[in-house]
N, C-alpha and C. Protein backbone atom coordinates (compact mmCIF):
# COMPACT_ATOMS: atom_id res chain seq x y z
N MET A 1 -42.10 -105.27 92.69
CA MET A 1 -43.54 -105.35 92.53
C MET A 1 -44.01 -106.78 92.85
N VAL A 2 -45.03 -106.90 93.68
CA VAL A 2 -45.57 -108.20 94.08
C VAL A 2 -46.83 -108.48 93.26
N ARG A 3 -46.78 -109.56 92.50
CA ARG A 3 -47.93 -109.97 91.69
C ARG A 3 -48.71 -111.03 92.45
N VAL A 4 -50.00 -110.76 92.61
CA VAL A 4 -50.91 -111.68 93.28
C VAL A 4 -51.85 -112.26 92.24
N MET A 5 -52.09 -113.56 92.34
CA MET A 5 -53.00 -114.24 91.43
C MET A 5 -54.14 -114.85 92.23
N ALA A 6 -55.35 -114.61 91.77
CA ALA A 6 -56.54 -115.24 92.35
C ALA A 6 -57.25 -115.96 91.23
N THR A 7 -57.96 -117.02 91.57
CA THR A 7 -58.66 -117.79 90.56
C THR A 7 -60.08 -118.09 91.01
N GLY A 8 -60.93 -118.37 90.04
CA GLY A 8 -62.29 -118.77 90.37
C GLY A 8 -63.17 -118.83 89.15
N VAL A 9 -64.40 -119.24 89.37
CA VAL A 9 -65.39 -119.30 88.30
C VAL A 9 -66.04 -117.93 88.13
N PHE A 10 -66.40 -117.30 89.23
CA PHE A 10 -67.01 -115.96 89.23
C PHE A 10 -68.29 -115.93 88.42
N ASP A 11 -69.11 -116.95 88.61
CA ASP A 11 -70.40 -117.02 87.94
C ASP A 11 -71.42 -116.31 88.82
N ILE A 12 -72.10 -115.33 88.27
CA ILE A 12 -73.02 -114.45 89.00
C ILE A 12 -72.25 -113.78 90.14
N LEU A 13 -71.63 -112.67 89.83
CA LEU A 13 -70.83 -111.95 90.83
C LEU A 13 -71.67 -111.60 92.05
N HIS A 14 -71.07 -111.73 93.22
CA HIS A 14 -71.77 -111.43 94.47
C HIS A 14 -70.77 -110.82 95.46
N PRO A 15 -71.25 -110.32 96.59
CA PRO A 15 -70.36 -109.67 97.56
C PRO A 15 -69.18 -110.53 98.02
N GLY A 16 -69.38 -111.83 98.12
CA GLY A 16 -68.27 -112.72 98.51
C GLY A 16 -67.11 -112.64 97.54
N HIS A 17 -67.42 -112.56 96.24
CA HIS A 17 -66.37 -112.41 95.23
C HIS A 17 -65.61 -111.10 95.43
N VAL A 18 -66.36 -110.02 95.62
CA VAL A 18 -65.73 -108.70 95.76
C VAL A 18 -64.84 -108.67 97.00
N MET A 19 -65.32 -109.21 98.10
CA MET A 19 -64.51 -109.23 99.33
C MET A 19 -63.25 -110.07 99.14
N PHE A 20 -63.39 -111.21 98.48
CA PHE A 20 -62.24 -112.07 98.19
C PHE A 20 -61.19 -111.31 97.38
N LEU A 21 -61.63 -110.61 96.33
CA LEU A 21 -60.68 -109.90 95.47
C LEU A 21 -60.09 -108.68 96.17
N ARG A 22 -60.84 -108.01 97.00
CA ARG A 22 -60.30 -106.89 97.78
C ARG A 22 -59.18 -107.37 98.70
N GLU A 23 -59.43 -108.48 99.39
CA GLU A 23 -58.42 -109.02 100.31
C GLU A 23 -57.19 -109.50 99.54
N ALA A 24 -57.41 -110.11 98.39
CA ALA A 24 -56.29 -110.57 97.57
C ALA A 24 -55.42 -109.39 97.13
N LYS A 25 -56.06 -108.32 96.71
CA LYS A 25 -55.33 -107.12 96.24
C LYS A 25 -54.44 -106.55 97.33
N LYS A 26 -54.88 -106.62 98.58
CA LYS A 26 -54.10 -106.09 99.71
C LYS A 26 -52.77 -106.82 99.90
N MET A 27 -52.62 -107.98 99.29
CA MET A 27 -51.42 -108.79 99.49
C MET A 27 -50.28 -108.42 98.54
N GLY A 28 -50.54 -107.51 97.61
CA GLY A 28 -49.49 -107.15 96.66
C GLY A 28 -49.80 -105.88 95.92
N ASP A 29 -49.03 -105.66 94.86
CA ASP A 29 -49.17 -104.45 94.05
C ASP A 29 -50.07 -104.63 92.85
N GLU A 30 -50.11 -105.85 92.32
CA GLU A 30 -50.88 -106.14 91.11
C GLU A 30 -51.71 -107.39 91.34
N LEU A 31 -53.00 -107.31 91.03
CA LEU A 31 -53.87 -108.47 91.15
C LEU A 31 -54.29 -108.93 89.77
N VAL A 32 -53.90 -110.15 89.45
CA VAL A 32 -54.30 -110.80 88.20
C VAL A 32 -55.26 -111.93 88.57
N VAL A 33 -56.41 -111.93 87.93
CA VAL A 33 -57.43 -112.93 88.23
C VAL A 33 -57.57 -113.88 87.05
N VAL A 34 -57.49 -115.16 87.34
CA VAL A 34 -57.69 -116.19 86.33
C VAL A 34 -59.11 -116.70 86.47
N VAL A 35 -59.89 -116.51 85.42
CA VAL A 35 -61.28 -116.93 85.39
C VAL A 35 -61.35 -118.29 84.70
N ALA A 36 -62.01 -119.22 85.35
CA ALA A 36 -62.10 -120.59 84.82
C ALA A 36 -62.86 -120.63 83.50
N ARG A 37 -62.36 -121.44 82.61
CA ARG A 37 -63.05 -121.71 81.34
C ARG A 37 -64.37 -122.41 81.64
N ASP A 38 -65.32 -122.29 80.74
CA ASP A 38 -66.61 -122.95 80.91
C ASP A 38 -66.43 -124.45 81.15
N SER A 39 -65.59 -125.08 80.34
CA SER A 39 -65.38 -126.53 80.45
C SER A 39 -64.75 -126.90 81.80
N THR A 40 -63.84 -126.09 82.28
CA THR A 40 -63.20 -126.34 83.57
C THR A 40 -64.21 -126.17 84.70
N ALA A 41 -64.99 -125.10 84.64
CA ALA A 41 -66.00 -124.85 85.67
C ALA A 41 -67.00 -126.01 85.74
N GLU A 42 -67.41 -126.47 84.59
CA GLU A 42 -68.39 -127.57 84.55
C GLU A 42 -67.78 -128.85 85.14
N ARG A 43 -66.52 -129.10 84.84
CA ARG A 43 -65.85 -130.30 85.35
C ARG A 43 -65.61 -130.22 86.86
N MET A 44 -65.24 -129.04 87.36
CA MET A 44 -64.82 -128.90 88.75
C MET A 44 -65.96 -128.50 89.70
N LYS A 45 -66.95 -127.75 89.21
CA LYS A 45 -68.00 -127.22 90.09
C LYS A 45 -69.40 -127.41 89.53
N HIS A 46 -69.72 -126.65 88.50
CA HIS A 46 -71.05 -126.66 87.91
C HIS A 46 -71.00 -125.96 86.55
N ARG A 47 -72.02 -126.20 85.76
CA ARG A 47 -72.11 -125.52 84.47
C ARG A 47 -72.43 -124.05 84.73
N PRO A 48 -71.60 -123.14 84.26
CA PRO A 48 -71.83 -121.72 84.54
C PRO A 48 -73.10 -121.18 83.88
N ILE A 49 -73.68 -120.19 84.53
CA ILE A 49 -74.83 -119.49 83.97
C ILE A 49 -74.34 -118.53 82.89
N MET A 50 -73.24 -117.83 83.20
CA MET A 50 -72.68 -116.84 82.27
C MET A 50 -71.50 -117.44 81.51
N HIS A 51 -71.37 -117.07 80.26
CA HIS A 51 -70.27 -117.51 79.39
C HIS A 51 -68.93 -117.01 79.93
N GLU A 52 -67.88 -117.74 79.68
CA GLU A 52 -66.55 -117.43 80.21
C GLU A 52 -66.06 -116.01 79.89
N GLU A 53 -66.28 -115.55 78.68
CA GLU A 53 -65.80 -114.20 78.32
C GLU A 53 -66.59 -113.13 79.06
N ALA A 54 -67.89 -113.35 79.28
CA ALA A 54 -68.70 -112.41 80.06
C ALA A 54 -68.21 -112.38 81.50
N ARG A 55 -67.89 -113.54 82.06
CA ARG A 55 -67.39 -113.60 83.44
C ARG A 55 -66.04 -112.91 83.55
N ARG A 56 -65.17 -113.12 82.57
CA ARG A 56 -63.86 -112.47 82.57
C ARG A 56 -64.02 -110.95 82.51
N PHE A 57 -64.88 -110.47 81.64
CA PHE A 57 -65.14 -109.05 81.49
C PHE A 57 -65.65 -108.43 82.79
N MET A 58 -66.60 -109.10 83.43
CA MET A 58 -67.15 -108.61 84.69
C MET A 58 -66.08 -108.53 85.77
N VAL A 59 -65.27 -109.55 85.88
CA VAL A 59 -64.20 -109.57 86.90
C VAL A 59 -63.19 -108.46 86.62
N GLU A 60 -62.79 -108.32 85.37
CA GLU A 60 -61.81 -107.29 85.02
C GLU A 60 -62.34 -105.89 85.31
N SER A 61 -63.65 -105.72 85.33
CA SER A 61 -64.26 -104.42 85.58
C SER A 61 -64.27 -104.04 87.06
N LEU A 62 -63.95 -104.97 87.92
CA LEU A 62 -63.95 -104.69 89.36
C LEU A 62 -62.73 -103.88 89.77
N LYS A 63 -62.94 -102.97 90.68
CA LYS A 63 -61.91 -102.02 91.09
C LYS A 63 -60.58 -102.67 91.55
N PRO A 64 -60.61 -103.74 92.36
CA PRO A 64 -59.33 -104.29 92.83
C PRO A 64 -58.52 -105.01 91.76
N VAL A 65 -59.15 -105.34 90.63
CA VAL A 65 -58.53 -106.21 89.62
C VAL A 65 -57.75 -105.39 88.60
N ASP A 66 -56.47 -105.74 88.44
CA ASP A 66 -55.64 -105.08 87.44
C ASP A 66 -55.76 -105.74 86.07
N MET A 67 -55.97 -107.06 86.09
CA MET A 67 -56.08 -107.80 84.83
C MET A 67 -56.83 -109.10 85.10
N ALA A 68 -57.68 -109.49 84.18
CA ALA A 68 -58.36 -110.78 84.27
C ALA A 68 -58.13 -111.53 82.96
N VAL A 69 -57.79 -112.80 83.10
CA VAL A 69 -57.52 -113.64 81.94
C VAL A 69 -58.28 -114.94 82.10
N LEU A 70 -58.50 -115.61 80.99
CA LEU A 70 -59.10 -116.93 81.04
C LEU A 70 -58.01 -117.96 81.28
N GLY A 71 -58.33 -118.96 82.08
CA GLY A 71 -57.38 -120.04 82.33
C GLY A 71 -57.25 -120.93 81.10
N HIS A 72 -56.39 -121.91 81.22
CA HIS A 72 -56.22 -122.89 80.14
C HIS A 72 -57.05 -124.12 80.45
N GLU A 73 -57.45 -124.81 79.44
CA GLU A 73 -58.10 -126.10 79.63
C GLU A 73 -57.00 -127.12 79.82
N GLY A 74 -57.25 -128.07 80.68
CA GLY A 74 -56.23 -129.09 80.92
C GLY A 74 -55.32 -128.72 82.07
N ASP A 75 -54.05 -128.50 81.79
CA ASP A 75 -53.05 -128.24 82.81
C ASP A 75 -53.25 -126.86 83.43
N MET A 76 -53.76 -126.82 84.66
CA MET A 76 -54.05 -125.53 85.30
C MET A 76 -52.78 -124.77 85.67
N TYR A 77 -51.65 -125.44 85.65
CA TYR A 77 -50.41 -124.76 86.03
C TYR A 77 -49.76 -124.00 84.87
N LEU A 78 -50.23 -124.21 83.64
CA LEU A 78 -49.67 -123.48 82.51
C LEU A 78 -49.86 -121.97 82.70
N ILE A 79 -51.04 -121.56 83.15
CA ILE A 79 -51.29 -120.14 83.36
C ILE A 79 -50.45 -119.61 84.51
N VAL A 80 -50.19 -120.44 85.50
CA VAL A 80 -49.33 -120.03 86.62
C VAL A 80 -47.91 -119.80 86.10
N GLU A 81 -47.44 -120.68 85.25
CA GLU A 81 -46.11 -120.50 84.65
C GLU A 81 -46.06 -119.21 83.84
N GLU A 82 -47.10 -118.94 83.06
CA GLU A 82 -47.12 -117.74 82.22
C GLU A 82 -47.15 -116.46 83.06
N LEU A 83 -47.96 -116.45 84.11
CA LEU A 83 -48.13 -115.24 84.92
C LEU A 83 -47.05 -115.08 85.99
N ASN A 84 -46.46 -116.21 86.41
CA ASN A 84 -45.40 -116.22 87.41
C ASN A 84 -45.72 -115.33 88.62
N PRO A 85 -46.81 -115.62 89.33
CA PRO A 85 -47.18 -114.79 90.47
C PRO A 85 -46.26 -115.03 91.67
N ASP A 86 -46.13 -114.01 92.50
CA ASP A 86 -45.40 -114.17 93.76
C ASP A 86 -46.28 -114.89 94.77
N ILE A 87 -47.59 -114.62 94.70
CA ILE A 87 -48.55 -115.19 95.64
C ILE A 87 -49.79 -115.66 94.88
N ILE A 88 -50.26 -116.85 95.22
CA ILE A 88 -51.57 -117.31 94.76
C ILE A 88 -52.47 -117.27 95.98
N VAL A 89 -53.61 -116.61 95.83
CA VAL A 89 -54.56 -116.49 96.92
C VAL A 89 -55.73 -117.42 96.65
N LEU A 90 -56.06 -118.24 97.65
CA LEU A 90 -57.20 -119.15 97.55
C LEU A 90 -58.33 -118.65 98.43
N GLY A 91 -59.54 -118.82 97.97
CA GLY A 91 -60.70 -118.52 98.79
C GLY A 91 -60.92 -119.64 99.79
N TYR A 92 -61.67 -119.34 100.84
CA TYR A 92 -61.90 -120.31 101.91
C TYR A 92 -62.55 -121.60 101.39
N ASP A 93 -63.34 -121.50 100.32
CA ASP A 93 -64.10 -122.64 99.83
C ASP A 93 -63.48 -123.33 98.62
N GLN A 94 -62.32 -122.88 98.20
CA GLN A 94 -61.69 -123.51 97.04
C GLN A 94 -61.06 -124.83 97.47
N LYS A 95 -61.31 -125.86 96.69
CA LYS A 95 -60.95 -127.22 97.07
C LYS A 95 -59.52 -127.61 96.65
N PHE A 96 -58.60 -126.70 96.80
CA PHE A 96 -57.22 -126.98 96.45
C PHE A 96 -56.37 -127.02 97.72
N SER A 97 -55.31 -127.78 97.69
CA SER A 97 -54.38 -127.85 98.81
C SER A 97 -53.25 -126.85 98.59
N GLU A 98 -53.03 -126.00 99.58
CA GLU A 98 -51.95 -125.02 99.48
C GLU A 98 -50.60 -125.73 99.26
N GLU A 99 -50.38 -126.81 100.01
CA GLU A 99 -49.12 -127.54 99.93
C GLU A 99 -48.91 -128.16 98.55
N GLU A 100 -49.97 -128.75 98.00
CA GLU A 100 -49.85 -129.37 96.68
C GLU A 100 -49.55 -128.33 95.60
N ILE A 101 -50.18 -127.17 95.69
CA ILE A 101 -49.92 -126.12 94.71
C ILE A 101 -48.48 -125.63 94.83
N GLU A 102 -48.03 -125.38 96.04
CA GLU A 102 -46.65 -124.92 96.23
C GLU A 102 -45.64 -125.96 95.74
N THR A 103 -45.91 -127.23 96.02
CA THR A 103 -45.02 -128.31 95.57
C THR A 103 -44.94 -128.34 94.05
N GLU A 104 -46.09 -128.25 93.38
CA GLU A 104 -46.10 -128.27 91.91
C GLU A 104 -45.40 -127.04 91.35
N CYS A 105 -45.60 -125.90 91.97
CA CYS A 105 -44.92 -124.68 91.52
C CYS A 105 -43.40 -124.85 91.63
N ARG A 106 -42.92 -125.43 92.72
CA ARG A 106 -41.48 -125.66 92.90
C ARG A 106 -40.94 -126.57 91.80
N LYS A 107 -41.71 -127.62 91.47
CA LYS A 107 -41.29 -128.55 90.42
C LYS A 107 -41.11 -127.82 89.09
N ARG A 108 -41.88 -126.74 88.90
CA ARG A 108 -41.84 -125.98 87.65
C ARG A 108 -40.93 -124.76 87.75
N GLY A 109 -40.15 -124.69 88.83
CA GLY A 109 -39.18 -123.61 88.97
C GLY A 109 -39.76 -122.29 89.46
N LEU A 110 -40.97 -122.32 90.02
CA LEU A 110 -41.61 -121.10 90.51
C LEU A 110 -41.47 -121.01 92.03
N LYS A 111 -41.31 -119.81 92.53
CA LYS A 111 -41.17 -119.59 93.97
C LYS A 111 -42.47 -119.05 94.58
N THR A 112 -43.56 -119.36 93.96
CA THR A 112 -44.87 -118.85 94.35
C THR A 112 -45.27 -119.35 95.74
N ARG A 113 -45.80 -118.42 96.54
CA ARG A 113 -46.38 -118.74 97.85
C ARG A 113 -47.88 -118.85 97.69
N VAL A 114 -48.51 -119.72 98.48
CA VAL A 114 -49.96 -119.89 98.41
C VAL A 114 -50.55 -119.51 99.76
N VAL A 115 -51.58 -118.65 99.73
CA VAL A 115 -52.23 -118.17 100.94
C VAL A 115 -53.73 -118.41 100.82
N ARG A 116 -54.31 -118.99 101.86
CA ARG A 116 -55.77 -119.18 101.88
C ARG A 116 -56.39 -118.09 102.74
N LEU A 117 -57.40 -117.44 102.18
CA LEU A 117 -58.12 -116.40 102.91
C LEU A 117 -59.26 -117.00 103.71
N HIS A 118 -59.72 -116.28 104.70
CA HIS A 118 -60.81 -116.74 105.56
C HIS A 118 -62.18 -116.38 104.95
N ARG A 119 -63.20 -116.92 105.55
CA ARG A 119 -64.58 -116.67 105.11
C ARG A 119 -65.02 -115.28 105.55
N TYR A 120 -65.83 -114.65 104.72
CA TYR A 120 -66.33 -113.31 105.01
C TYR A 120 -67.82 -113.37 105.29
N GLY A 121 -68.20 -113.19 106.53
CA GLY A 121 -69.60 -113.05 106.88
C GLY A 121 -70.45 -114.28 106.61
N GLU A 122 -71.67 -114.18 107.04
CA GLU A 122 -72.63 -115.28 106.90
C GLU A 122 -73.82 -114.87 106.04
N GLY A 123 -73.66 -113.86 105.21
CA GLY A 123 -74.78 -113.35 104.42
C GLY A 123 -75.44 -114.41 103.55
N ASP A 124 -76.66 -114.14 103.14
CA ASP A 124 -77.39 -115.11 102.35
C ASP A 124 -77.14 -114.98 100.85
N ILE A 125 -76.28 -114.05 100.46
CA ILE A 125 -75.96 -113.94 99.03
C ILE A 125 -74.45 -113.99 98.82
N ASN A 126 -73.77 -114.87 99.55
CA ASN A 126 -72.33 -114.98 99.41
C ASN A 126 -71.90 -116.21 98.61
N GLY A 127 -72.81 -116.76 97.84
CA GLY A 127 -72.47 -117.89 97.00
C GLY A 127 -73.41 -117.98 95.80
N THR A 128 -72.86 -118.37 94.66
CA THR A 128 -73.65 -118.44 93.43
C THR A 128 -74.83 -119.40 93.58
N ARG A 129 -74.58 -120.58 94.14
CA ARG A 129 -75.67 -121.55 94.32
C ARG A 129 -76.76 -120.97 95.22
N LYS A 130 -76.36 -120.27 96.28
CA LYS A 130 -77.36 -119.66 97.18
C LYS A 130 -78.21 -118.65 96.43
N ILE A 131 -77.59 -117.88 95.57
CA ILE A 131 -78.34 -116.89 94.78
C ILE A 131 -79.32 -117.59 93.85
N ILE A 132 -78.88 -118.62 93.19
CA ILE A 132 -79.75 -119.35 92.27
C ILE A 132 -80.94 -119.95 93.02
N TYR A 133 -80.68 -120.57 94.16
CA TYR A 133 -81.77 -121.16 94.95
C TYR A 133 -82.75 -120.09 95.43
N LYS A 134 -82.23 -118.93 95.79
CA LYS A 134 -83.10 -117.84 96.23
C LYS A 134 -83.99 -117.36 95.07
N ILE A 135 -83.41 -117.27 93.88
CA ILE A 135 -84.19 -116.88 92.70
C ILE A 135 -85.29 -117.90 92.43
N VAL A 136 -84.93 -119.18 92.49
CA VAL A 136 -85.92 -120.24 92.26
C VAL A 136 -87.04 -120.14 93.29
N ASP A 137 -86.69 -119.93 94.57
CA ASP A 137 -87.71 -119.78 95.60
C ASP A 137 -88.63 -118.60 95.30
N ARG A 138 -88.04 -117.49 94.89
CA ARG A 138 -88.85 -116.30 94.58
C ARG A 138 -89.76 -116.56 93.37
N MET A 139 -89.24 -117.27 92.39
CA MET A 139 -90.05 -117.59 91.22
C MET A 139 -91.23 -118.48 91.63
N ASP A 140 -90.97 -119.44 92.51
CA ASP A 140 -92.06 -120.29 93.01
C ASP A 140 -93.11 -119.45 93.72
N GLU A 141 -92.66 -118.48 94.55
CA GLU A 141 -93.58 -117.58 95.26
C GLU A 141 -94.41 -116.77 94.27
N LEU A 142 -93.74 -116.21 93.25
CA LEU A 142 -94.44 -115.40 92.25
C LEU A 142 -95.44 -116.25 91.46
N TYR A 143 -95.03 -117.46 91.11
CA TYR A 143 -95.91 -118.36 90.36
C TYR A 143 -97.15 -118.68 91.19
N ALA A 144 -96.94 -119.00 92.46
CA ALA A 144 -98.07 -119.32 93.36
C ALA A 144 -98.99 -118.12 93.51
N LYS A 145 -98.40 -116.95 93.65
CA LYS A 145 -99.18 -115.71 93.81
C LYS A 145 -100.00 -115.43 92.55
N ASP A 146 -99.38 -115.61 91.37
CA ASP A 146 -100.07 -115.38 90.10
C ASP A 146 -101.23 -116.36 89.91
N ARG A 147 -101.05 -117.60 90.35
CA ARG A 147 -102.11 -118.60 90.22
C ARG A 147 -103.33 -118.26 91.06
N HIS A 148 -103.08 -117.58 92.17
CA HIS A 148 -104.17 -117.25 93.08
C HIS A 148 -104.76 -115.87 92.83
N SER A 149 -104.28 -115.18 91.82
CA SER A 149 -104.77 -113.82 91.52
C SER A 149 -105.93 -113.85 90.55
């Protein structure tokens, strides 16, 4: 059995997330997704809109996902050691080095392979920040419309 691990914040689920997880699932028999803790997300990317447990629940509810867990604060490799995946799948926009992850896994006695997936489409709702900006723009439009009514 090939265990695949994917990671991310998964704040405001969008089609890009679903496509990423579908492609990750194709690489093995079991897909385990590690959802970033609120504190980790804030340190590495941005303060999440949704709480970590809500994000984990949403991800676990997706069809390609066999299990979703919260990551650890601090040493991100602790969860890798616990799950011992055969493959770690990275999204095109994740700021990690495949080589550095593989090197650290080897140091910890893991034979994990790291694969980076390509970008999916150019849609306007393939990123959390894009969705938030679109909502803000729409709110500005609605506010302007209401003022003139």
